[in-house]
Amino acid sequence: RAAVAKDQEQGYGIGATSTPSFLINGRPIAGAQPKETFTQAIEAAAEQAKEKTTGKAGATGNAGDSAK
């Protein structure tokens, strides 16, 4: 019981407030959701990852490539 209670508290701490709950790049998504909700969350996470690696939004191509 203690282990389950610990897991529940950890889940609540990250925003998991219902079943099912999902966490995509730190963003909690609670309950059954349409696929568009997940698509938007995943695309937003991918955009954030691009911004972190390239320093700008909407960047494409490989780092170090020059436009020709």
Protein backbone atom coordinates (compact mmCIF):
# COMPACT_ATOMS: atom_id res chain seq x y z
CA ARG A 1 0.00 0.00 0.00
CA ALA A 2 2.79 2.41 0.79
CA ALA A 3 4.34 1.90 -2.65
CA VAL A 4 1.02 2.58 -4.37
CA ALA A 5 0.45 5.70 -2.27
CA LYS A 6 3.94 6.92 -3.15
CA ASP A 7 3.27 6.36 -6.86
CA GLN A 8 -0.04 8.22 -6.60
CA GLU A 9 1.56 11.20 -4.91
CA GLN A 10 4.29 11.30 -7.54
CA GLY A 11 1.65 11.19 -10.27
CA TYR A 12 -0.34 14.00 -8.69
CA GLY A 13 2.86 16.01 -8.45
CA ILE A 14 3.37 15.91 -12.22
CA GLY A 15 -0.25 16.60 -13.07
CA ALA A 16 -1.68 13.09 -13.46
CA THR A 17 -5.12 13.63 -11.95
CA SER A 18 -7.21 11.00 -13.71
CA THR A 19 -7.09 7.68 -15.50
CA PRO A 20 -5.79 7.61 -18.11
CA SER A 21 -3.20 10.33 -17.74
CA PHE A 22 -0.34 11.10 -20.11
CA LEU A 23 2.70 13.31 -19.85
CA ILE A 24 4.16 14.62 -23.11
CA ASN A 25 7.29 16.73 -22.70
CA GLY A 26 6.16 17.82 -19.26
CA ARG A 27 2.62 18.66 -20.36
CA PRO A 28 -0.03 16.62 -18.53
CA ILE A 29 -2.97 15.35 -20.56
CA ALA A 30 -5.78 13.99 -18.39
CA GLY A 31 -8.53 11.61 -19.37
CA ALA A 32 -9.54 10.14 -22.68
CA GLN A 33 -8.76 12.65 -25.41
CA PRO A 34 -9.16 12.75 -29.19
CA LYS A 35 -6.09 11.95 -31.23
CA GLU A 36 -5.80 15.61 -32.24
CA THR A 37 -4.95 16.50 -28.64
CA PHE A 38 -2.00 14.12 -28.73
CA THR A 39 -0.96 15.24 -32.21
CA GLN A 40 -0.88 18.88 -31.07
CA ALA A 41 1.08 18.03 -27.91
CA ILE A 42 3.63 15.95 -29.84
CA GLU A 43 4.04 18.61 -32.55
CA ALA A 44 4.52 21.30 -29.90
CA ALA A 45 7.15 19.14 -28.17
CA ALA A 46 8.93 18.59 -31.48
CA GLU A 47 8.94 22.34 -32.17
CA GLN A 48 10.36 23.03 -28.72
CA ALA A 49 13.09 20.47 -29.35
CA LYS A 50 13.96 22.19 -32.66
CA GLU A 51 14.14 25.55 -30.91
CA LYS A 52 16.48 24.17 -28.26
CA THR A 53 18.83 22.58 -30.79
CA THR A 54 18.83 25.32 -33.42
CA GLY A 55 17.96 28.41 -31.42
CA LYS A 56 15.04 29.32 -33.67
CA ALA A 57 11.50 28.16 -34.32
CA GLY A 58 10.59 26.35 -37.51
CA ALA A 59 14.17 25.53 -38.43
CA THR A 60 14.77 22.74 -40.90
CA GLY A 61 17.83 20.98 -42.17
CA ASN A 62 20.94 19.92 -40.30
CA ALA A 63 22.95 22.14 -38.02
CA GLY A 64 25.94 23.49 -39.86
CA ASP A 65 24.36 23.25 -43.29
CA SER A 66 24.55 26.44 -45.30
CA ALA A 67 21.91 27.60 -47.74
CA LYS A 68 22.96 27.30 -51.36
